[in-house]
C-alpha atoms as a PDB file:
ATOM      1  CA  UNK A   1       6.555  23.701  -9.459  1.00  0.00           C
ATOM      2  CA  UNK A   2       8.613  21.534  -6.777  1.00  0.00           C
ATOM      3  CA  UNK A   3      10.920  20.479  -9.912  1.00  0.00           C
ATOM      4  CA  UNK A   4      11.830  24.269 -10.310  1.00  0.00           C
ATOM      5  CA  UNK A   5      12.470  24.965  -6.640  1.00  0.00           C
ATOM      6  CA  UNK A   6      16.281  24.861  -5.679  1.00  0.00           C
ATOM      7  CA  UNK A   7      17.173  21.527  -3.405  1.00  0.00           C
ATOM      8  CA  UNK A   8      20.396  20.580  -1.598  1.00  0.00           C
ATOM      9  CA  UNK A   9      21.463  17.011  -3.032  1.00  0.00           C
ATOM     10  CA  UNK A  10      20.500  15.727   0.451  1.00  0.00           C
ATOM     11  CA  UNK A  11      16.419  16.489  -0.316  1.00  0.00           C
ATOM     12  CA  UNK A  12      17.056  15.787  -4.129  1.00  0.00           C
ATOM     13  CA  UNK A  13      18.333  12.109  -3.033  1.00  0.00           C
ATOM     14  CA  UNK A  14      15.488  11.882  -0.469  1.00  0.00           C
ATOM     15  CA  UNK A  15      12.693  12.971  -3.194  1.00  0.00           C
ATOM     16  CA  UNK A  16      14.211  10.337  -5.603  1.00  0.00           C
ATOM     17  CA  UNK A  17      14.102   7.750  -2.886  1.00  0.00           C
ATOM     18  CA  UNK A  18      10.466   8.634  -1.895  1.00  0.00           C
ATOM     19  CA  UNK A  19       9.727   8.535  -5.804  1.00  0.00           C
ATOM     20  CA  UNK A  20      11.647   5.191  -6.619  1.00  0.00           C
ATOM     21  CA  UNK A  21       9.636   3.532  -3.786  1.00  0.00           C
ATOM     22  CA  UNK A  22       6.128   4.924  -4.774  1.00  0.00           C
ATOM     23  CA  UNK A  23       6.759   3.341  -8.192  1.00  0.00           C
ATOM     24  CA  UNK A  24       7.605   0.240  -6.960  1.00  0.00           C
ATOM     25  CA  UNK A  25       4.771   0.191  -4.520  1.00  0.00           C
ATOM     26  CA  UNK A  26       2.502   0.786  -8.026  1.00  0.00           C
ATOM     27  CA  UNK A  27       4.330  -1.677 -10.250  1.00  0.00           C
ATOM     28  CA  UNK A  28       3.642  -4.557  -7.429  1.00  0.00           C
ATOM     29  CA  UNK A  29      -0.202  -3.284  -7.596  1.00  0.00           C
ATOM     30  CA  UNK A  30      -0.263  -3.342 -11.393  1.00  0.00           C
ATOM     31  CA  UNK A  31       1.390  -6.664 -11.018  1.00  0.00           C
ATOM     32  CA  UNK A  32      -0.911  -8.233  -8.922  1.00  0.00           C
ATOM     33  CA  UNK A  33      -3.856  -7.254 -10.104  1.00  0.00           C
ATOM     34  CA  UNK A  34      -5.721  -9.504 -12.750  1.00  0.00           C
ATOM     35  CA  UNK A  35      -7.645  -6.738 -14.601  1.00  0.00           C
ATOM     36  CA  UNK A  36      -4.627  -4.607 -15.258  1.00  0.00           C
ATOM     37  CA  UNK A  37      -3.056  -5.449 -19.152  1.00  0.00           C
ATOM     38  CA  UNK A  38      -0.184  -3.455 -19.776  1.00  0.00           C
ATOM     39  CA  UNK A  39       3.057  -4.956 -21.349  1.00  0.00           C
ATOM     40  CA  UNK A  40       5.360  -3.590 -19.062  1.00  0.00           C
ATOM     41  CA  UNK A  41       4.392  -3.067 -15.488  1.00  0.00           C
ATOM     42  CA  UNK A  42       7.218  -0.731 -14.493  1.00  0.00           C
ATOM     43  CA  UNK A  43       6.975   1.552 -17.444  1.00  0.00           C
ATOM     44  CA  UNK A  44       2.976   1.646 -16.175  1.00  0.00           C
ATOM     45  CA  UNK A  45       3.705   2.771 -12.979  1.00  0.00           C
ATOM     46  CA  UNK A  46       6.112   5.299 -13.967  1.00  0.00           C
ATOM     47  CA  UNK A  47       3.210   6.815 -16.403  1.00  0.00           C
ATOM     48  CA  UNK A  48       0.728   6.524 -13.707  1.00  0.00           C
ATOM     49  CA  UNK A  49       2.820   8.098 -10.739  1.00  0.00           C
ATOM     50  CA  UNK A  50       3.955  10.903 -12.910  1.00  0.00           C
ATOM     51  CA  UNK A  51       0.748  11.767 -14.780  1.00  0.00           C
ATOM     52  CA  UNK A  52      -1.663  11.560 -11.359  1.00  0.00           C
ATOM     53  CA  UNK A  53       1.299  14.039  -9.900  1.00  0.00           C
ATOM     54  CA  UNK A  54       1.219  16.219 -13.064  1.00  0.00           C
ATOM     55  CA  UNK A  55      -2.374  16.590 -13.485  1.00  0.00           C
ATOM     56  CA  UNK A  56      -3.196  16.984  -9.635  1.00  0.00           C
ATOM     57  CA  UNK A  57      -0.385  19.742  -9.453  1.00  0.00           C
ATOM     58  CA  UNK A  58      -2.514  21.474 -12.518  1.00  0.00           C
ATOM     59  CA  UNK A  59      -5.738  21.077 -11.113  1.00  0.00           C
ATOM     60  CA  UNK A  60      -4.690  23.055  -8.081  1.00  0.00           C
ATOM     61  CA  UNK A  61      -2.443  25.712  -9.815  1.00  0.00           C
ATOM     62  CA  UNK A  62      -5.155  26.188 -12.715  1.00  0.00           C
ATOM     63  CA  UNK A  63      -8.529  24.455 -11.655  1.00  0.00           C
ATOM     64  CA  UNK A  64     -10.658  23.566 -14.513  1.00  0.00           C
ATOM     65  CA  UNK A  65     -14.288  23.982 -14.667  1.00  0.00           C
ATOM     66  CA  UNK A  66     -15.179  20.869 -12.670  1.00  0.00           C
ATOM     67  CA  UNK A  67     -15.399  20.030  -8.968  1.00  0.00           C
ATOM     68  CA  UNK A  68     -13.162  17.775  -6.776  1.00  0.00           C
ATOM     69  CA  UNK A  69     -14.983  14.682  -7.153  1.00  0.00           C
ATOM     70  CA  UNK A  70     -15.387  15.238 -11.011  1.00  0.00           C
ATOM     71  CA  UNK A  71     -11.790  15.580 -11.120  1.00  0.00           C
ATOM     72  CA  UNK A  72     -11.218  12.342  -8.859  1.00  0.00           C
ATOM     73  CA  UNK A  73     -14.005  10.468 -11.433  1.00  0.00           C
ATOM     74  CA  UNK A  74     -12.002  11.689 -14.537  1.00  0.00           C
ATOM     75  CA  UNK A  75      -8.845  10.819 -13.382  1.00  0.00           C
ATOM     76  CA  UNK A  76     -10.095   7.363 -12.259  1.00  0.00           C
ATOM     77  CA  UNK A  77     -11.623   6.862 -15.732  1.00  0.00           C
ATOM     78  CA  UNK A  78      -8.177   7.690 -17.287  1.00  0.00           C
ATOM     79  CA  UNK A  79      -6.293   5.283 -15.482  1.00  0.00           C
ATOM     80  CA  UNK A  80      -8.644   2.684 -15.956  1.00  0.00           C
ATOM     81  CA  UNK A  81      -8.839   3.142 -19.786  1.00  0.00           C
ATOM     82  CA  UNK A  82      -5.041   3.211 -19.855  1.00  0.00           C
ATOM     83  CA  UNK A  83      -4.482  -0.008 -17.452  1.00  0.00           C
ATOM     84  CA  UNK A  84      -7.068  -2.097 -18.832  1.00  0.00           C
ATOM     85  CA  UNK A  85      -6.538  -1.573 -22.478  1.00  0.00           C
END
């Protein structure tokens, strides 16, 4: 949704900086957690951030037959499975 809206270059750059900062923070969390077993923390951070954003947008736009709490529980299970493989 947001990706389809026209944005001035200044806004695109600001959003890219926020994305990079967020992925860097998630990467540090991944590297600092001994329960996480992924071969590439940077790639995992990208997938986590983009996956959560995408699924959350989809949940809002086209709600599935589950409560918000169920959605959060399922998202946590999905991420745990991926990060602790």
